Amino acid sequence: MKSIAASLILLTLSFWAAGQDDDDDQDHVNAGCKGDQQLKVKNYAGALKFFLTAAGDGDEVSAYDLGMMYYFGLGIEKNYKEAAKWWRLAAEKNEVSALYGLGKLYANGWGVEKDLTTAFAYYESAAKQKDPNAMVEIAIRYAAGQGVKRNLSKAFKWYRKAANQGLARAQNNLAFFYEQGLASPVDEDEAFGLFWESAAQGYPTAEYNLGRCYYLGIGVAPDKAEAFRWCKKAAEHGHAPGQYTLGVLYESGEGVREDISEAIKWYKQAADQGNEKAKKTLEKLRAKGLISDS
């Protein structure tokens, strides 16, 4: 009987302890949720308090959120070192956004010593969890040989994985690989299709590239009016090469009525962003007396 009674006591205690663990888990989840609510209404002080509580109790999502607040300086002074500290805690539990964030910090030397190899490792860990942005970062580094040996085939593979998830940046970069025949045979039709998919999402570089395809007849019949339309979209989204090209089209009257005033306007916007071709073109127009310095 004593043995049975002891067993019942132990069983009761084990259930009580398990219940306590569940309560503890629920507490930090609740604190994290409250932090999210405060963040949404921009009550940064409140969000910080709840995230600190939840992160201190081991909630990796709240640890990421806390690092994010330090990264962007939301209600507190921007501090990359503190962001790295909290993201490391979250990364220990494989929180994918924290892994990606640490990759960015190490790639740029923000709050940590710059280390391209470590950056690659963090990006790779996030990419293996199917994060499309991390996949693109991996592809970029394989293509450039940053933190890893250059390998265009692996770059192509990771771009394709991210593009298959619908990421516009990946679709644009994969299209360039197909256009140039990098790690695959040249396929202008495939390149055009991917540029189109990316541009349809409003990605400025793809809008510019789609305009370039229409202008040069890459994967599609040449169409100067369509070239103008897509370059204009890119230019309006602040894409400097698109702004310069739009200026060229206005100056030459290709795909649009010739308008030197509009051309100069777009050349100036591109030049303001450091576009060297636009700067040189403005110098030539100024020498011809077509631009007033007043």
Protein backbone atom coordinates (compact mmCIF):
# COMPACT_ATOMS: atom_id res chain seq x y z
CA MET A 1 0.00 0.00 0.00
CA LYS A 2 2.83 2.36 0.88
CA SER A 3 4.37 1.65 -2.53
CA ILE A 4 1.09 2.47 -4.27
CA ALA A 5 0.66 5.65 -2.24
CA ALA A 6 4.22 6.75 -3.01
CA SER A 7 3.64 6.11 -6.70
CA LEU A 8 0.48 8.20 -6.63
CA ILE A 9 2.33 11.05 -4.91
CA LEU A 10 5.12 10.93 -7.50
CA LEU A 11 2.58 10.84 -10.32
CA THR A 12 0.75 13.82 -8.85
CA LEU A 13 3.99 15.72 -8.46
CA SER A 14 5.04 14.94 -12.03
CA PHE A 15 1.72 16.19 -13.37
CA TRP A 16 2.04 19.33 -11.23
CA ALA A 17 5.58 19.94 -12.54
CA ALA A 18 4.49 19.39 -16.12
CA GLY A 19 1.66 21.82 -15.56
CA GLN A 20 4.12 24.36 -14.23
CA ASP A 21 6.28 23.96 -17.36
CA ASP A 22 3.23 24.48 -19.56
CA ASP A 23 2.31 27.58 -17.57
CA ASP A 24 5.84 28.93 -17.95
CA ASP A 25 5.74 28.32 -21.70
CA GLN A 26 2.35 30.01 -21.91
CA ASP A 27 3.64 32.98 -19.91
CA HIS A 28 6.46 33.79 -22.32
CA VAL A 29 4.22 33.17 -25.32
CA ASN A 30 1.68 35.58 -23.86
CA ALA A 31 4.40 38.15 -23.17
CA GLY A 32 5.66 37.80 -26.75
CA CYS A 33 2.13 38.27 -28.12
CA LYS A 34 1.65 41.35 -25.97
CA GLY A 35 4.95 42.66 -27.29
CA ASP A 36 3.73 42.16 -30.86
CA GLN A 37 0.52 44.03 -30.05
CA GLN A 38 2.44 46.95 -28.58
CA LEU A 39 4.79 47.00 -31.57
CA LYS A 40 1.86 47.23 -33.99
CA VAL A 41 0.57 50.38 -32.29
CA LYS A 42 4.13 51.76 -32.06
CA ASN A 43 4.20 51.63 -28.27
CA TYR A 44 7.89 50.78 -28.35
CA ALA A 45 8.46 51.06 -24.61
CA GLY A 46 5.68 48.56 -23.96
CA ALA A 47 6.92 46.22 -26.69
CA LEU A 48 10.45 46.34 -25.31
CA LYS A 49 9.24 45.42 -21.82
CA PHE A 50 7.26 42.39 -22.99
CA PHE A 51 9.93 41.19 -25.42
CA LEU A 52 12.56 41.41 -22.67
CA THR A 53 10.38 39.27 -20.42
CA ALA A 54 9.66 36.66 -23.08
CA ALA A 55 13.21 36.57 -24.43
CA GLY A 56 14.59 36.24 -20.91
CA ASP A 57 12.35 33.20 -20.49
CA GLY A 58 13.83 31.62 -23.62
CA ASP A 59 11.34 32.62 -26.32
CA GLU A 60 13.42 32.77 -29.52
CA VAL A 61 10.86 34.76 -31.52
CA SER A 62 10.83 37.50 -28.88
CA ALA A 63 14.63 37.45 -28.81
CA TYR A 64 14.58 38.08 -32.56
CA ASP A 65 12.01 40.86 -32.15
CA LEU A 66 14.15 42.46 -29.45
CA GLY A 67 17.18 42.35 -31.73
CA MET A 68 15.09 43.84 -34.50
CA MET A 69 14.15 46.78 -32.28
CA TYR A 70 17.83 47.46 -31.62
CA TYR A 71 18.66 46.98 -35.31
CA PHE A 72 16.17 49.60 -36.48
CA GLY A 73 16.31 51.80 -33.38
CA LEU A 74 12.60 51.46 -32.58
CA GLY A 75 12.03 53.47 -29.42
CA ILE A 76 15.64 52.96 -28.40
CA GLU A 77 19.01 54.00 -29.74
CA LYS A 78 20.07 51.93 -32.74
CA ASN A 79 22.64 49.41 -31.56
CA TYR A 80 23.89 46.67 -33.89
CA LYS A 81 25.93 45.07 -31.13
CA GLU A 82 22.81 44.57 -29.00
CA ALA A 83 20.94 43.31 -32.07
CA ALA A 84 23.66 40.71 -32.61
CA LYS A 85 23.49 39.65 -28.95
CA TRP A 86 19.75 38.93 -29.05
CA TRP A 87 19.83 37.41 -32.51
CA ARG A 88 22.53 34.97 -31.37
CA LEU A 89 20.21 33.79 -28.59
CA ALA A 90 17.41 33.30 -31.09
CA ALA A 91 19.75 31.63 -33.60
CA GLU A 92 20.72 29.03 -30.99
CA LYS A 93 17.15 27.75 -31.44
CA ASN A 94 17.37 28.08 -35.24
CA GLU A 95 15.05 31.09 -35.47
CA VAL A 96 15.31 31.69 -39.21
CA SER A 97 14.97 35.49 -39.23
CA ALA A 98 17.71 35.76 -36.61
CA LEU A 99 20.00 33.55 -38.70
CA TYR A 100 19.38 35.80 -41.70
CA GLY A 101 19.91 38.93 -39.63
CA LEU A 102 23.23 37.68 -38.26
CA GLY A 103 24.34 36.94 -41.81
CA LYS A 104 23.64 40.55 -42.70
CA LEU A 105 25.51 41.88 -39.66
CA TYR A 106 28.62 39.77 -40.35
CA ALA A 107 28.51 40.53 -44.08
CA ASN A 108 28.65 44.27 -43.36
CA GLY A 109 30.61 44.36 -40.11
CA TRP A 110 27.73 45.97 -38.22
CA GLY A 111 28.11 45.45 -34.47
CA VAL A 112 30.49 42.56 -35.11
CA GLU A 113 33.82 42.10 -36.85
CA LYS A 114 33.21 41.70 -40.58
CA ASP A 115 33.52 38.03 -41.51
CA LEU A 116 32.26 36.88 -44.90
CA THR A 117 32.74 33.21 -44.06
CA THR A 118 30.61 33.51 -40.92
CA ALA A 119 28.06 35.56 -42.85
CA PHE A 120 27.81 32.80 -45.44
CA ALA A 121 27.33 30.17 -42.74
CA TYR A 122 24.43 32.05 -41.16
CA TYR A 123 22.80 32.72 -44.53
CA GLU A 124 23.22 29.06 -45.43
CA SER A 125 21.52 27.97 -42.20
CA ALA A 126 18.57 30.24 -42.98
CA ALA A 127 18.47 29.11 -46.61
CA LYS A 128 18.28 25.48 -45.54
CA GLN A 129 15.08 26.43 -43.71
CA LYS A 130 13.71 27.59 -47.07
CA ASP A 131 14.05 31.32 -46.46
CA PRO A 132 14.04 32.76 -50.03
CA ASN A 133 15.95 35.94 -49.16
CA ALA A 134 18.70 33.87 -47.57
CA MET A 135 18.77 31.70 -50.69
CA VAL A 136 19.45 34.80 -52.78
CA GLU A 137 22.26 35.87 -50.45
CA ILE A 138 23.81 32.41 -50.79
CA ALA A 139 23.51 32.61 -54.58
CA ILE A 140 25.11 36.06 -54.67
CA ARG A 141 28.05 34.81 -52.63
CA TYR A 142 28.55 31.72 -54.76
CA ALA A 143 28.47 33.92 -57.87
CA ALA A 144 31.00 36.40 -56.45
CA GLY A 145 33.12 34.03 -54.36
CA GLN A 146 32.41 35.91 -51.13
CA GLY A 147 33.01 33.80 -48.03
CA VAL A 148 32.95 30.67 -50.16
CA LYS A 149 34.64 29.36 -53.30
CA ARG A 150 33.06 30.76 -56.47
CA ASN A 151 30.60 28.31 -58.00
CA LEU A 152 28.15 29.52 -60.64
CA SER A 153 26.31 26.20 -60.74
CA LYS A 154 25.49 26.48 -57.04
CA ALA A 155 24.55 30.13 -57.49
CA PHE A 156 22.15 29.11 -60.27
CA LYS A 157 20.68 26.35 -58.07
CA TRP A 158 19.95 28.71 -55.17
CA TYR A 159 18.54 31.44 -57.43
CA ARG A 160 16.19 28.87 -58.92
CA LYS A 161 15.07 27.65 -55.48
CA ALA A 162 14.24 31.21 -54.42
CA ALA A 163 12.64 32.04 -57.77
CA ASN A 164 10.39 29.01 -57.41
CA GLN A 165 9.07 30.62 -54.23
CA GLY A 166 8.14 33.70 -56.24
CA LEU A 167 10.81 36.05 -54.91
CA ALA A 168 11.12 38.90 -57.42
CA ARG A 169 14.82 39.55 -56.82
CA ALA A 170 15.62 35.88 -57.41
CA GLN A 171 13.53 35.77 -60.58
CA ASN A 172 15.39 38.79 -61.96
CA ASN A 173 18.83 37.39 -61.15
CA LEU A 174 17.99 33.94 -62.50
CA ALA A 175 16.76 35.58 -65.69
CA PHE A 176 20.14 37.24 -66.09
CA PHE A 177 21.84 33.85 -65.74
CA TYR A 178 19.64 32.46 -68.53
CA GLU A 179 20.23 35.52 -70.71
CA GLN A 180 24.00 35.34 -70.33
CA GLY A 181 24.29 31.55 -70.35
CA LEU A 182 25.79 31.38 -66.85
CA ALA A 183 25.77 27.80 -65.54
CA SER A 184 23.12 26.98 -68.14
CA PRO A 185 22.67 27.25 -71.91
CA VAL A 186 21.53 30.65 -73.16
CA ASP A 187 17.73 30.75 -73.09
CA GLU A 188 16.35 34.17 -73.98
CA ASP A 189 12.73 33.01 -73.83
CA GLU A 190 13.20 31.78 -70.26
CA ALA A 191 15.03 34.98 -69.37
CA PHE A 192 12.23 37.15 -70.75
CA GLY A 193 9.60 35.13 -68.88
CA LEU A 194 11.42 35.47 -65.57
CA PHE A 195 12.05 39.20 -66.09
CA TRP A 196 8.32 39.54 -66.75
CA GLU A 197 7.34 37.64 -63.57
CA SER A 198 9.67 39.78 -61.49
CA ALA A 199 8.62 43.06 -63.12
CA ALA A 200 4.97 42.20 -62.59
CA GLN A 201 5.71 42.33 -58.86
CA GLY A 202 7.04 45.87 -59.22
CA TYR A 203 10.73 45.00 -58.86
CA PRO A 204 12.49 48.04 -60.43
CA THR A 205 15.59 46.24 -61.75
CA ALA A 206 13.37 43.71 -63.53
CA GLU A 207 11.21 46.51 -64.95
CA TYR A 208 14.35 48.04 -66.41
CA ASN A 209 15.56 44.67 -67.73
CA LEU A 210 12.18 43.99 -69.30
CA GLY A 211 12.38 47.35 -71.04
CA ARG A 212 15.86 46.40 -72.24
CA CYS A 213 14.49 43.12 -73.61
CA TYR A 214 11.80 44.96 -75.56
CA TYR A 215 14.33 47.46 -76.87
CA LEU A 216 16.89 44.86 -77.99
CA GLY A 217 14.50 42.04 -78.89
CA ILE A 218 15.69 39.59 -76.21
CA GLY A 219 13.15 36.77 -76.03
CA VAL A 220 10.51 38.98 -77.63
CA ALA A 221 9.99 41.00 -80.80
CA PRO A 222 11.52 44.50 -80.52
CA ASP A 223 8.95 47.06 -79.38
CA LYS A 224 10.19 50.56 -78.56
CA ALA A 225 6.85 51.65 -77.09
CA GLU A 226 6.93 48.74 -74.62
CA ALA A 227 10.59 49.45 -73.91
CA PHE A 228 9.62 53.01 -73.01
CA ARG A 229 6.70 51.88 -70.85
CA TRP A 230 8.78 49.53 -68.72
CA CYS A 231 11.76 51.86 -68.42
CA LYS A 232 9.36 54.55 -67.26
CA LYS A 233 8.06 52.24 -64.54
CA ALA A 234 11.62 51.52 -63.38
CA ALA A 235 12.52 55.22 -63.48
CA GLU A 236 9.48 56.19 -61.45
CA HIS A 237 10.52 53.60 -58.87
CA GLY A 238 13.87 55.35 -58.51
CA HIS A 239 16.02 52.99 -60.61
CA ALA A 240 18.98 55.09 -61.81
CA PRO A 241 19.81 53.11 -65.01
CA GLY A 242 16.09 53.20 -65.83
CA GLN A 243 16.05 56.97 -65.35
CA TYR A 244 19.06 57.38 -67.61
CA THR A 245 17.58 55.11 -70.29
CA LEU A 246 14.26 56.95 -70.10
CA GLY A 247 16.18 60.15 -70.76
CA VAL A 248 17.79 58.55 -73.82
CA LEU A 249 14.39 57.49 -75.15
CA TYR A 250 12.95 60.97 -74.65
CA GLU A 251 15.98 62.56 -76.31
CA SER A 252 15.92 60.21 -79.33
CA GLY A 253 12.14 60.00 -79.61
CA GLU A 254 12.14 56.20 -79.51
CA GLY A 255 8.85 54.75 -78.25
CA VAL A 256 7.70 58.23 -77.26
CA ARG A 257 7.50 61.72 -78.73
CA GLU A 258 10.86 63.50 -78.59
CA ASP A 259 11.07 65.83 -75.60
CA ILE A 260 14.46 67.24 -74.60
CA SER A 261 13.05 68.85 -71.44
CA GLU A 262 11.81 65.47 -70.20
CA ALA A 263 15.09 63.89 -71.21
CA ILE A 264 17.06 66.42 -69.15
CA LYS A 265 14.74 65.93 -66.17
CA TRP A 266 15.40 62.18 -66.09
CA TYR A 267 19.11 62.59 -66.78
CA LYS A 268 19.31 64.87 -63.75
CA GLN A 269 17.49 62.38 -61.53
CA ALA A 270 19.87 59.60 -62.61
CA ALA A 271 22.90 61.86 -62.14
CA ASP A 272 21.72 62.76 -58.64
CA GLN A 273 22.02 59.06 -57.83
CA GLY A 274 25.57 58.96 -59.16
CA ASN A 275 24.90 57.54 -62.63
CA GLU A 276 28.05 58.39 -64.60
CA LYS A 277 26.46 58.08 -68.05
CA ALA A 278 23.81 60.58 -67.05
CA LYS A 279 26.45 62.99 -65.73
CA LYS A 280 28.42 62.85 -68.98
CA THR A 281 25.29 63.30 -71.07
CA LEU A 282 24.32 66.39 -69.08
CA GLU A 283 27.80 67.82 -69.62
CA LYS A 284 27.42 67.38 -73.38
CA LEU A 285 23.98 68.97 -73.39
CA ARG A 286 25.28 71.84 -71.30
CA ALA A 287 28.14 72.37 -73.77
CA LYS A 288 25.57 72.58 -76.55
CA GLY A 289 23.71 75.27 -74.63
CA LEU A 290 20.67 73.07 -74.09
CA ILE A 291 20.84 73.33 -70.30
CA SER A 292 20.74 76.58 -68.39
CA ASP A 293 22.84 76.71 -65.20
CA SER A 294 20.55 79.33 -63.69
